[in-house]
Amino acid sequence: MTFFSVLLALIIEQVRALSTHNPIYNLVRSHAEHTAQGFDAGRAKHGLLAWLVVVVPFVLVVAIVYYVLMRINILLGFAWNVLIVYLTLGFRQFSHYFTDIHLALNNDDPNRAREILRQWIGIDTVDMPVQEVVRNTLVHAVVASHRHVFGVFFWFLMPIGPAGAVLYRVSEYLARHWSEPGPDRSPEFSQFARRAFYVIDWIPARLTSIGFAIVGNFEDAIYAWRTYAKQWPDGNDGILLAAGSGALGARLVGPLAEPSSVDTLDGDHEAPLPVGSDCTPRTLQAAVGLVWRAVLLWMLLLMMLTIAVWFG
């Protein structure tokens, strides 16, 4: 049932992508924002309490509904699985930025590509070289593909099923949203959310990186992983980007004369990563192939696991 739940959710998501402003997402955003406003008193322990207040209710509700529906009818449980995977996947929520940037560069319109990139990741892209536009696009696409697809897959396969997918996506959102600077947001408040998501994402990030290595340039991916992953401030993102860089044969980071001229996912400076060739618009197409091959690899493994359970 797990395999068919994921397969059907993927198909539905490709046919009709979920808007980022749908009622469910708005509910999570509103709850997270109101909780932060009520709990943020400048102490790390307040961040822990706020995280529990946001995450636990969503996870419990999804788990209880799944248990009740399975007791009533297995088809109802299947439908609930499909719905939750569909809601927690976000393949098309970031891929349209990627596709539009790719299309703009193919049409020789770098200014349009710069504007789309600015809208996506919020950095200054005025007069940014095309190579840097491609590089920044790839960096964020690699991380987004993991957090919106492969990380969800992993936690959905855990014994808690759809509740695991919700745990992953809500935790990812809190770690990202509560870390954004604001006049009413203390730095200490987001510490637990970031640490919790790091732990939750530790295994999925490594499995995704292994997947990139298998379907890409294996030797270069493993070499980059072992040699350069620690050059990022976030260990999980570092492994993803290093392995992705090697798998693509593309230099996702530097070398640059002035590291301070580059923005990163966390706002810190990037270290040079001399792996592969310089990024070009053709690298974007290679990245599309890499991600889809990784998706097919996960689906193949899941199908084999399902068959093994059936005949076991």
C-alpha atoms as a PDB file:
ATOM      1  CA  MET A   1       0.000   0.000   0.000  1.00  0.00           C
ATOM      2  CA  THR A   2       2.902   2.361   0.712  1.00  0.00           C
ATOM      3  CA  PHE A   3       4.287   2.084  -2.825  1.00  0.00           C
ATOM      4  CA  PHE A   4       0.939   2.816  -4.458  1.00  0.00           C
ATOM      5  CA  SER A   5       0.278   5.684  -2.044  1.00  0.00           C
ATOM      6  CA  VAL A   6       3.523   7.397  -3.040  1.00  0.00           C
ATOM      7  CA  LEU A   7       3.048   6.623  -6.750  1.00  0.00           C
ATOM      8  CA  LEU A   8      -0.476   8.004  -6.847  1.00  0.00           C
ATOM      9  CA  ALA A   9       0.476  11.087  -4.845  1.00  0.00           C
ATOM     10  CA  LEU A  10       3.367  11.784  -7.234  1.00  0.00           C
ATOM     11  CA  ILE A  11       1.085  11.472 -10.253  1.00  0.00           C
ATOM     12  CA  ILE A  12      -1.548  13.768  -8.736  1.00  0.00           C
ATOM     13  CA  GLU A  13       1.135  16.294  -7.762  1.00  0.00           C
ATOM     14  CA  GLN A  14       2.476  16.369 -11.316  1.00  0.00           C
ATOM     15  CA  VAL A  15      -1.014  16.814 -12.789  1.00  0.00           C
ATOM     16  CA  ARG A  16      -2.221  19.359 -10.250  1.00  0.00           C
ATOM     17  CA  ALA A  17       0.453  20.910  -8.084  1.00  0.00           C
ATOM     18  CA  LEU A  18      -0.612  22.167  -4.678  1.00  0.00           C
ATOM     19  CA  SER A  19      -0.472  25.924  -4.254  1.00  0.00           C
ATOM     20  CA  THR A  20       1.819  27.262  -1.552  1.00  0.00           C
ATOM     21  CA  HIS A  21      -1.118  29.338  -0.313  1.00  0.00           C
ATOM     22  CA  ASN A  22      -3.566  26.495   0.182  1.00  0.00           C
ATOM     23  CA  PRO A  23      -5.611  26.378   3.436  1.00  0.00           C
ATOM     24  CA  ILE A  24      -3.513  23.605   5.024  1.00  0.00           C
ATOM     25  CA  TYR A  25      -0.233  25.440   4.523  1.00  0.00           C
ATOM     26  CA  ASN A  26      -1.805  28.679   5.696  1.00  0.00           C
ATOM     27  CA  LEU A  27      -2.965  26.910   8.859  1.00  0.00           C
ATOM     28  CA  VAL A  28       0.567  25.696   9.602  1.00  0.00           C
ATOM     29  CA  ARG A  29       2.035  29.132   8.897  1.00  0.00           C
ATOM     30  CA  SER A  30      -0.522  30.899  11.064  1.00  0.00           C
ATOM     31  CA  HIS A  31      -0.149  28.456  13.943  1.00  0.00           C
ATOM     32  CA  ALA A  32       3.652  28.658  13.788  1.00  0.00           C
ATOM     33  CA  GLU A  33       3.641  32.456  13.702  1.00  0.00           C
ATOM     34  CA  HIS A  34       1.171  32.890  16.544  1.00  0.00           C
ATOM     35  CA  THR A  35       3.015  30.332  18.650  1.00  0.00           C
ATOM     36  CA  ALA A  36       6.324  32.105  18.068  1.00  0.00           C
ATOM     37  CA  GLN A  37       4.820  35.440  19.061  1.00  0.00           C
ATOM     38  CA  GLY A  38       3.411  33.957  22.237  1.00  0.00           C
ATOM     39  CA  PHE A  39       6.429  31.905  23.329  1.00  0.00           C
ATOM     40  CA  ASP A  40       9.476  33.871  22.147  1.00  0.00           C
ATOM     41  CA  ALA A  41      10.865  35.413  25.323  1.00  0.00           C
ATOM     42  CA  GLY A  42      14.522  35.205  24.337  1.00  0.00           C
ATOM     43  CA  ARG A  43      15.287  31.784  25.828  1.00  0.00           C
ATOM     44  CA  ALA A  44      16.117  28.514  24.050  1.00  0.00           C
ATOM     45  CA  LYS A  45      13.702  26.553  26.263  1.00  0.00           C
ATOM     46  CA  HIS A  46      10.846  28.680  24.973  1.00  0.00           C
ATOM     47  CA  GLY A  47      11.736  27.526  21.474  1.00  0.00           C
ATOM     48  CA  LEU A  48      11.496  23.905  22.640  1.00  0.00           C
ATOM     49  CA  LEU A  49       8.028  24.452  24.107  1.00  0.00           C
ATOM     50  CA  ALA A  50       6.858  26.297  21.001  1.00  0.00           C
ATOM     51  CA  TRP A  51       8.164  23.506  18.737  1.00  0.00           C
ATOM     52  CA  LEU A  52       6.209  20.914  20.717  1.00  0.00           C
ATOM     53  CA  VAL A  53       3.059  23.044  20.642  1.00  0.00           C
ATOM     54  CA  VAL A  54       3.212  23.294  16.845  1.00  0.00           C
ATOM     55  CA  VAL A  55       4.504  19.854  15.849  1.00  0.00           C
ATOM     56  CA  VAL A  56       2.824  17.452  18.283  1.00  0.00           C
ATOM     57  CA  PRO A  57      -0.829  18.334  17.515  1.00  0.00           C
ATOM     58  CA  PHE A  58      -0.384  17.958  13.743  1.00  0.00           C
ATOM     59  CA  VAL A  59       1.474  14.657  14.081  1.00  0.00           C
ATOM     60  CA  LEU A  60      -1.010  13.242  16.597  1.00  0.00           C
ATOM     61  CA  VAL A  61      -4.083  14.213  14.552  1.00  0.00           C
ATOM     62  CA  VAL A  62      -2.677  12.625  11.391  1.00  0.00           C
ATOM     63  CA  ALA A  63      -1.677   9.448  13.262  1.00  0.00           C
ATOM     64  CA  ILE A  64      -5.039   9.090  15.023  1.00  0.00           C
ATOM     65  CA  VAL A  65      -7.053   9.647  11.839  1.00  0.00           C
ATOM     66  CA  TYR A  66      -4.906   7.084  10.012  1.00  0.00           C
ATOM     67  CA  TYR A  67      -5.399   4.513  12.787  1.00  0.00           C
ATOM     68  CA  VAL A  68      -9.180   5.053  12.879  1.00  0.00           C
ATOM     69  CA  LEU A  69      -9.552   4.875   9.088  1.00  0.00           C
ATOM     70  CA  MET A  70      -7.491   1.694   8.897  1.00  0.00           C
ATOM     71  CA  ARG A  71      -9.730   0.107  11.507  1.00  0.00           C
ATOM     72  CA  ILE A  72     -12.818   1.049   9.483  1.00  0.00           C
ATOM     73  CA  ASN A  73     -11.566   0.130   6.006  1.00  0.00           C
ATOM     74  CA  ILE A  74      -8.118  -0.316   4.498  1.00  0.00           C
ATOM     75  CA  LEU A  75      -9.146   1.702   1.428  1.00  0.00           C
ATOM     76  CA  LEU A  76      -9.908   4.691   3.656  1.00  0.00           C
ATOM     77  CA  GLY A  77      -6.444   4.362   5.173  1.00  0.00           C
ATOM     78  CA  PHE A  78      -4.966   4.209   1.671  1.00  0.00           C
ATOM     79  CA  ALA A  79      -6.825   7.369   0.641  1.00  0.00           C
ATOM     80  CA  TRP A  80      -5.572   9.150   3.782  1.00  0.00           C
ATOM     81  CA  ASN A  81      -1.998   8.118   2.938  1.00  0.00           C
ATOM     82  CA  VAL A  82      -2.323   9.496  -0.578  1.00  0.00           C
ATOM     83  CA  LEU A  83      -3.755  12.773   0.715  1.00  0.00           C
ATOM     84  CA  ILE A  84      -1.021  13.295   3.307  1.00  0.00           C
ATOM     85  CA  VAL A  85       1.806  12.449   0.896  1.00  0.00           C
ATOM     86  CA  TYR A  86       0.258  14.799  -1.654  1.00  0.00           C
ATOM     87  CA  LEU A  87       0.080  17.584   0.932  1.00  0.00           C
ATOM     88  CA  THR A  88       3.633  17.063   2.177  1.00  0.00           C
ATOM     89  CA  LEU A  89       5.303  16.638  -1.210  1.00  0.00           C
ATOM     90  CA  GLY A  90       6.385  19.836  -2.906  1.00  0.00           C
ATOM     91  CA  PHE A  91       8.025  18.802  -6.161  1.00  0.00           C
ATOM     92  CA  ARG A  92       6.188  21.403  -8.215  1.00  0.00           C
ATOM     93  CA  GLN A  93       6.307  24.070  -5.504  1.00  0.00           C
ATOM     94  CA  PHE A  94       9.925  24.845  -6.302  1.00  0.00           C
ATOM     95  CA  SER A  95      10.389  23.264  -9.727  1.00  0.00           C
ATOM     96  CA  HIS A  96       8.470  26.030 -11.513  1.00  0.00           C
ATOM     97  CA  TYR A  97      11.177  28.508 -10.461  1.00  0.00           C
ATOM     98  CA  PHE A  98      13.814  26.104 -11.720  1.00  0.00           C
ATOM     99  CA  THR A  99      11.960  25.511 -15.008  1.00  0.00           C
ATOM    100  CA  ASP A 100      11.348  29.223 -15.609  1.00  0.00           C
ATOM    101  CA  ILE A 101      15.020  30.059 -14.999  1.00  0.00           C
ATOM    102  CA  HIS A 102      16.064  27.251 -17.348  1.00  0.00           C
ATOM    103  CA  LEU A 103      13.645  28.488 -20.013  1.00  0.00           C
ATOM    104  CA  ALA A 104      14.789  32.104 -19.664  1.00  0.00           C
ATOM    105  CA  LEU A 105      18.440  31.156 -20.083  1.00  0.00           C
ATOM    106  CA  ASN A 106      17.622  28.950 -23.077  1.00  0.00           C
ATOM    107  CA  ASN A 107      15.851  31.969 -24.616  1.00  0.00           C
ATOM    108  CA  ASP A 108      18.970  34.074 -23.981  1.00  0.00           C
ATOM    109  CA  ASP A 109      17.175  36.259 -21.437  1.00  0.00           C
ATOM    110  CA  PRO A 110      19.521  36.389 -18.431  1.00  0.00           C
ATOM    111  CA  ASN A 111      17.730  39.402 -16.921  1.00  0.00           C
ATOM    112  CA  ARG A 112      14.518  37.396 -16.670  1.00  0.00           C
ATOM    113  CA  ALA A 113      16.450  34.512 -15.109  1.00  0.00           C
ATOM    114  CA  ARG A 114      18.006  36.873 -12.555  1.00  0.00           C
ATOM    115  CA  GLU A 115      14.590  38.259 -11.601  1.00  0.00           C
ATOM    116  CA  ILE A 116      13.076  34.786 -11.124  1.00  0.00           C
ATOM    117  CA  LEU A 117      16.059  33.756  -9.002  1.00  0.00           C
ATOM    118  CA  ARG A 118      15.647  36.889  -6.871  1.00  0.00           C
ATOM    119  CA  GLN A 119      11.976  36.076  -6.315  1.00  0.00           C
ATOM    120  CA  TRP A 120      12.859  32.512  -5.368  1.00  0.00           C
ATOM    121  CA  ILE A 121      15.709  32.918  -2.905  1.00  0.00           C
ATOM    122  CA  GLY A 122      15.610  36.623  -2.120  1.00  0.00           C
ATOM    123  CA  ILE A 123      19.194  37.609  -2.913  1.00  0.00           C
ATOM    124  CA  ASP A 124      20.495  40.519  -4.960  1.00  0.00           C
ATOM    125  CA  THR A 125      20.901  39.236  -8.518  1.00  0.00           C
ATOM    126  CA  VAL A 126      21.514  42.521 -10.334  1.00  0.00           C
ATOM    127  CA  ASP A 127      24.348  42.043 -12.863  1.00  0.00           C
ATOM    128  CA  MET A 128      24.940  38.510 -11.548  1.00  0.00           C
ATOM    129  CA  PRO A 129      26.925  36.474 -14.121  1.00  0.00           C
ATOM    130  CA  VAL A 130      25.010  33.697 -15.849  1.00  0.00           C
ATOM    131  CA  GLN A 131      27.345  31.128 -14.302  1.00  0.00           C
ATOM    132  CA  GLU A 132      26.389  32.361 -10.825  1.00  0.00           C
ATOM    133  CA  VAL A 133      22.697  32.377 -11.720  1.00  0.00           C
ATOM    134  CA  VAL A 134      22.968  28.725 -12.715  1.00  0.00           C
ATOM    135  CA  ARG A 135      25.062  27.863  -9.664  1.00  0.00           C
ATOM    136  CA  ASN A 136      22.657  29.455  -7.185  1.00  0.00           C
ATOM    137  CA  THR A 137      19.726  27.813  -8.952  1.00  0.00           C
ATOM    138  CA  LEU A 138      21.363  24.414  -8.678  1.00  0.00           C
ATOM    139  CA  VAL A 139      22.356  24.861  -5.025  1.00  0.00           C
ATOM    140  CA  HIS A 140      18.795  25.625  -3.970  1.00  0.00           C
ATOM    141  CA  ALA A 141      17.265  23.051  -6.290  1.00  0.00           C
ATOM    142  CA  VAL A 142      19.400  20.231  -4.851  1.00  0.00           C
ATOM    143  CA  VAL A 143      18.406  21.078  -1.270  1.00  0.00           C
ATOM    144  CA  ALA A 144      14.761  21.710  -2.199  1.00  0.00           C
ATOM    145  CA  SER A 145      14.457  18.404  -4.062  1.00  0.00           C
ATOM    146  CA  HIS A 146      15.627  16.614  -0.949  1.00  0.00           C
ATOM    147  CA  ARG A 147      13.417  18.455   1.527  1.00  0.00           C
ATOM    148  CA  HIS A 148      10.310  18.392  -0.638  1.00  0.00           C
ATOM    149  CA  VAL A 149      10.641  14.850  -2.010  1.00  0.00           C
ATOM    150  CA  PHE A 150      13.240  12.447  -0.659  1.00  0.00           C
ATOM    151  CA  GLY A 151      13.042  13.471   2.989  1.00  0.00           C
ATOM    152  CA  VAL A 152       9.253  13.058   2.846  1.00  0.00           C
ATOM    153  CA  PHE A 153       9.676   9.618   1.253  1.00  0.00           C
ATOM    154  CA  PHE A 154      11.942   8.452   4.055  1.00  0.00           C
ATOM    155  CA  TRP A 155       9.704   9.528   6.915  1.00  0.00           C
ATOM    156  CA  PHE A 156       6.581   8.231   5.202  1.00  0.00           C
ATOM    157  CA  LEU A 157       8.241   4.801   5.100  1.00  0.00           C
ATOM    158  CA  MET A 158       8.737   4.826   8.863  1.00  0.00           C
ATOM    159  CA  PRO A 159       6.290   2.840  11.064  1.00  0.00           C
ATOM    160  CA  ILE A 160       4.326   6.017  11.893  1.00  0.00           C
ATOM    161  CA  GLY A 161       3.534   6.385   8.164  1.00  0.00           C
ATOM    162  CA  PRO A 162       1.770   9.639   7.204  1.00  0.00           C
ATOM    163  CA  ALA A 163       2.489  11.124  10.636  1.00  0.00           C
ATOM    164  CA  GLY A 164       6.193  10.800   9.826  1.00  0.00           C
ATOM    165  CA  ALA A 165       5.787  12.805   6.621  1.00  0.00           C
ATOM    166  CA  VAL A 166       3.994  15.531   8.566  1.00  0.00           C
ATOM    167  CA  LEU A 167       6.674  15.504  11.272  1.00  0.00           C
ATOM    168  CA  TYR A 168       9.375  16.028   8.634  1.00  0.00           C
ATOM    169  CA  ARG A 169       7.691  18.823   6.703  1.00  0.00           C
ATOM    170  CA  VAL A 170       6.472  20.800   9.732  1.00  0.00           C
ATOM    171  CA  SER A 171       9.892  20.478  11.406  1.00  0.00           C
ATOM    172  CA  GLU A 172      11.585  21.679   8.218  1.00  0.00           C
ATOM    173  CA  TYR A 173       9.273  24.670   8.020  1.00  0.00           C
ATOM    174  CA  LEU A 174       9.836  25.676  11.646  1.00  0.00           C
ATOM    175  CA  ALA A 175      13.627  25.354  11.350  1.00  0.00           C
ATOM    176  CA  ARG A 176      13.568  27.575   8.281  1.00  0.00           C
ATOM    177  CA  HIS A 177      10.868  30.071   9.237  1.00  0.00           C
ATOM    178  CA  TRP A 178      11.871  30.650  12.841  1.00  0.00           C
ATOM    179  CA  SER A 179      15.484  31.205  11.762  1.00  0.00           C
ATOM    180  CA  GLU A 180      14.514  34.143   9.561  1.00  0.00           C
ATOM    181  CA  PRO A 181      15.626  37.407  11.189  1.00  0.00           C
ATOM    182  CA  GLY A 182      12.900  39.709  12.428  1.00  0.00           C
ATOM    183  CA  PRO A 183      12.421  42.589  14.853  1.00  0.00           C
ATOM    184  CA  ASP A 184      10.433  40.395  17.255  1.00  0.00           C
ATOM    185  CA  ARG A 185      12.440  37.198  16.875  1.00  0.00           C
ATOM    186  CA  SER A 186      15.338  36.330  19.183  1.00  0.00           C
ATOM    187  CA  PRO A 187      18.208  34.188  17.818  1.00  0.00           C
ATOM    188  CA  GLU A 188      17.926  31.777  20.745  1.00  0.00           C
ATOM    189  CA  PHE A 189      14.292  30.951  19.966  1.00  0.00           C
ATOM    190  CA  SER A 190      15.086  29.004  16.783  1.00  0.00           C
ATOM    191  CA  GLN A 191      17.916  26.916  18.255  1.00  0.00           C
ATOM    192  CA  PHE A 192      15.841  23.884  19.157  1.00  0.00           C
ATOM    193  CA  ALA A 193      13.903  23.916  15.862  1.00  0.00           C
ATOM    194  CA  ARG A 194      17.162  23.900  13.905  1.00  0.00           C
ATOM    195  CA  ARG A 195      18.726  21.177  16.038  1.00  0.00           C
ATOM    196  CA  ALA A 196      15.572  19.053  15.931  1.00  0.00           C
ATOM    197  CA  PHE A 197      15.379  19.234  12.151  1.00  0.00           C
ATOM    198  CA  TYR A 198      19.095  18.459  11.862  1.00  0.00           C
ATOM    199  CA  VAL A 199      18.521  15.227  13.782  1.00  0.00           C
ATOM    200  CA  ILE A 200      15.325  14.397  11.884  1.00  0.00           C
ATOM    201  CA  ASP A 201      17.063  15.026   8.551  1.00  0.00           C
ATOM    202  CA  TRP A 202      20.363  13.305   9.409  1.00  0.00           C
ATOM    203  CA  ILE A 203      19.585   9.897   7.874  1.00  0.00           C
ATOM    204  CA  PRO A 204      17.426  11.141   4.959  1.00  0.00           C
ATOM    205  CA  ALA A 205      20.113  13.605   3.842  1.00  0.00           C
ATOM    206  CA  ARG A 206      22.686  10.829   3.666  1.00  0.00           C
ATOM    207  CA  LEU A 207      20.356   8.461   1.850  1.00  0.00           C
ATOM    208  CA  THR A 208      19.527  11.155  -0.701  1.00  0.00           C
ATOM    209  CA  SER A 209      23.238  11.817  -1.193  1.00  0.00           C
ATOM    210  CA  ILE A 210      23.857   8.114  -1.739  1.00  0.00           C
ATOM    211  CA  GLY A 211      21.024   8.122  -4.268  1.00  0.00           C
ATOM    212  CA  PHE A 212      22.605  11.048  -6.137  1.00  0.00           C
ATOM    213  CA  ALA A 213      25.908   9.177  -6.193  1.00  0.00           C
ATOM    214  CA  ILE A 214      24.325   5.974  -7.541  1.00  0.00           C
ATOM    215  CA  VAL A 215      22.448   7.662 -10.371  1.00  0.00           C
ATOM    216  CA  GLY A 216      25.202  10.198 -11.119  1.00  0.00           C
ATOM    217  CA  ASN A 217      28.992  10.198 -11.142  1.00  0.00           C
ATOM    218  CA  PHE A 218      29.566   7.850  -8.217  1.00  0.00           C
ATOM    219  CA  GLU A 219      33.309   8.313  -7.710  1.00  0.00           C
ATOM    220  CA  ASP A 220      33.221  12.107  -7.862  1.00  0.00           C
ATOM    221  CA  ALA A 221      30.151  12.255  -5.606  1.00  0.00           C
ATOM    222  CA  ILE A 222      31.774  10.127  -2.906  1.00  0.00           C
ATOM    223  CA  TYR A 223      35.055  12.025  -3.215  1.00  0.00           C
ATOM    224  CA  ALA A 224      33.314  15.398  -2.861  1.00  0.00           C
ATOM    225  CA  TRP A 225      31.257  14.077   0.048  1.00  0.00           C
ATOM    226  CA  ARG A 226      34.319  12.901   1.943  1.00  0.00           C
ATOM    227  CA  THR A 227      36.472  15.907   1.109  1.00  0.00           C
ATOM    228  CA  TYR A 228      34.273  18.992   1.010  1.00  0.00           C
ATOM    229  CA  ALA A 229      31.008  18.326   2.873  1.00  0.00           C
ATOM    230  CA  LYS A 230      32.247  19.956   6.083  1.00  0.00           C
ATOM    231  CA  GLN A 231      32.812  23.287   4.353  1.00  0.00           C
ATOM    232  CA  TRP A 232      29.143  24.195   4.795  1.00  0.00           C
ATOM    233  CA  PRO A 233      27.803  25.472   8.135  1.00  0.00           C
ATOM    234  CA  ASP A 234      24.949  22.933   8.016  1.00  0.00           C
ATOM    235  CA  GLY A 235      26.303  19.383   7.922  1.00  0.00           C
ATOM    236  CA  ASN A 236      23.262  17.873   6.188  1.00  0.00           C
ATOM    237  CA  ASP A 237      23.166  20.520   3.465  1.00  0.00           C
ATOM    238  CA  GLY A 238      26.920  20.169   3.079  1.00  0.00           C
ATOM    239  CA  ILE A 239      26.646  16.462   2.325  1.00  0.00           C
ATOM    240  CA  LEU A 240      23.768  17.016  -0.115  1.00  0.00           C
ATOM    241  CA  LEU A 241      25.555  19.771  -2.010  1.00  0.00           C
ATOM    242  CA  ALA A 242      28.943  18.083  -2.056  1.00  0.00           C
ATOM    243  CA  ALA A 243      27.475  14.791  -3.281  1.00  0.00           C
ATOM    244  CA  GLY A 244      25.235  16.617  -5.748  1.00  0.00           C
ATOM    245  CA  SER A 245      28.202  18.580  -7.067  1.00  0.00           C
ATOM    246  CA  GLY A 246      30.211  15.432  -7.644  1.00  0.00           C
ATOM    247  CA  ALA A 247      27.258  13.505  -9.095  1.00  0.00           C
ATOM    248  CA  LEU A 248      26.574  16.305 -11.590  1.00  0.00           C
ATOM    249  CA  GLY A 249      30.210  17.020 -12.313  1.00  0.00           C
ATOM    250  CA  ALA A 250      29.383  20.681 -11.700  1.00  0.00           C
ATOM    251  CA  ARG A 251      31.110  23.173  -9.429  1.00  0.00           C
ATOM    252  CA  LEU A 252      28.157  24.229  -7.285  1.00  0.00           C
ATOM    253  CA  VAL A 253      30.401  26.409  -5.131  1.00  0.00           C
ATOM    254  CA  GLY A 254      33.437  28.519  -6.163  1.00  0.00           C
ATOM    255  CA  PRO A 255      36.370  28.717  -6.291  1.00  0.00           C
ATOM    256  CA  LEU A 256      35.818  32.456  -5.916  1.00  0.00           C
ATOM    257  CA  ALA A 257      38.283  35.226  -5.287  1.00  0.00           C
ATOM    258  CA  GLU A 258      36.077  36.806  -2.624  1.00  0.00           C
ATOM    259  CA  PRO A 259      33.942  34.354  -0.624  1.00  0.00           C
ATOM    260  CA  SER A 260      32.050  37.293   0.856  1.00  0.00           C
ATOM    261  CA  SER A 261      30.509  37.971  -2.546  1.00  0.00           C
ATOM    262  CA  VAL A 262      28.466  34.788  -2.346  1.00  0.00           C
ATOM    263  CA  ASP A 263      25.293  34.190  -0.357  1.00  0.00           C
ATOM    264  CA  THR A 264      24.424  30.839   1.116  1.00  0.00           C
ATOM    265  CA  LEU A 265      21.325  29.091   2.326  1.00  0.00           C
ATOM    266  CA  ASP A 266      22.013  30.142   5.900  1.00  0.00           C
ATOM    267  CA  GLY A 267      23.475  33.550   5.144  1.00  0.00           C
ATOM    268  CA  ASP A 268      27.049  32.468   5.920  1.00  0.00           C
ATOM    269  CA  HIS A 269      29.959  32.572   3.511  1.00  0.00           C
ATOM    270  CA  GLU A 270      30.573  29.599   1.263  1.00  0.00           C
ATOM    271  CA  ALA A 271      33.911  27.882   1.091  1.00  0.00           C
ATOM    272  CA  PRO A 272      35.414  27.030  -2.311  1.00  0.00           C
ATOM    273  CA  LEU A 273      34.451  23.632  -3.657  1.00  0.00           C
ATOM    274  CA  PRO A 274      36.754  22.862  -6.608  1.00  0.00           C
ATOM    275  CA  VAL A 275      34.810  19.856  -7.911  1.00  0.00           C
ATOM    276  CA  GLY A 276      33.693  19.397 -11.506  1.00  0.00           C
ATOM    277  CA  SER A 277      33.264  22.000 -14.232  1.00  0.00           C
ATOM    278  CA  ASP A 278      31.848  25.512 -14.154  1.00  0.00           C
ATOM    279  CA  CYS A 279      28.057  25.700 -14.177  1.00  0.00           C
ATOM    280  CA  THR A 280      26.369  26.416 -17.506  1.00  0.00           C
ATOM    281  CA  PRO A 281      22.705  26.432 -18.591  1.00  0.00           C
ATOM    282  CA  ARG A 282      23.196  22.868 -19.833  1.00  0.00           C
ATOM    283  CA  THR A 283      23.963  21.838 -16.257  1.00  0.00           C
ATOM    284  CA  LEU A 284      20.358  22.656 -15.347  1.00  0.00           C
ATOM    285  CA  GLN A 285      19.101  19.974 -17.719  1.00  0.00           C
ATOM    286  CA  ALA A 286      21.592  17.516 -16.245  1.00  0.00           C
ATOM    287  CA  ALA A 287      20.243  18.317 -12.772  1.00  0.00           C
ATOM    288  CA  VAL A 288      16.669  17.557 -13.895  1.00  0.00           C
ATOM    289  CA  GLY A 289      17.832  14.159 -15.092  1.00  0.00           C
ATOM    290  CA  LEU A 290      19.725  13.503 -11.856  1.00  0.00           C
ATOM    291  CA  VAL A 291      16.703  14.240  -9.647  1.00  0.00           C
ATOM    292  CA  TRP A 292      14.303  12.166 -11.733  1.00  0.00           C
ATOM    293  CA  ARG A 293      16.706   9.232 -11.823  1.00  0.00           C
ATOM    294  CA  ALA A 294      16.968   9.471  -8.042  1.00  0.00           C
ATOM    295  CA  VAL A 295      13.148   9.474  -7.775  1.00  0.00           C
ATOM    296  CA  LEU A 296      12.967   6.384  -9.984  1.00  0.00           C
ATOM    297  CA  LEU A 297      15.628   4.701  -7.855  1.00  0.00           C
ATOM    298  CA  TRP A 298      13.609   5.321  -4.666  1.00  0.00           C
ATOM    299  CA  MET A 299      10.414   4.095  -6.334  1.00  0.00           C
ATOM    300  CA  LEU A 300      12.151   0.965  -7.614  1.00  0.00           C
ATOM    301  CA  LEU A 301      13.500   0.168  -4.160  1.00  0.00           C
ATOM    302  CA  LEU A 302      10.085   0.796  -2.632  1.00  0.00           C
ATOM    303  CA  MET A 303       8.425  -1.461  -5.201  1.00  0.00           C
ATOM    304  CA  MET A 304      10.927  -4.241  -4.507  1.00  0.00           C
ATOM    305  CA  LEU A 305      10.313  -3.857  -0.782  1.00  0.00           C
ATOM    306  CA  THR A 306       6.552  -4.034  -1.342  1.00  0.00           C
ATOM    307  CA  ILE A 307       6.890  -7.190  -3.443  1.00  0.00           C
ATOM    308  CA  ALA A 308       9.146  -8.742  -0.808  1.00  0.00           C
ATOM    309  CA  VAL A 309       6.532  -8.040   1.892  1.00  0.00           C
ATOM    310  CA  TRP A 310       3.760  -9.515  -0.241  1.00  0.00           C
ATOM    311  CA  PHE A 311       5.632 -12.753  -0.888  1.00  0.00           C
ATOM    312  CA  GLY A 312       7.366 -12.896   2.488  1.00  0.00           C
END
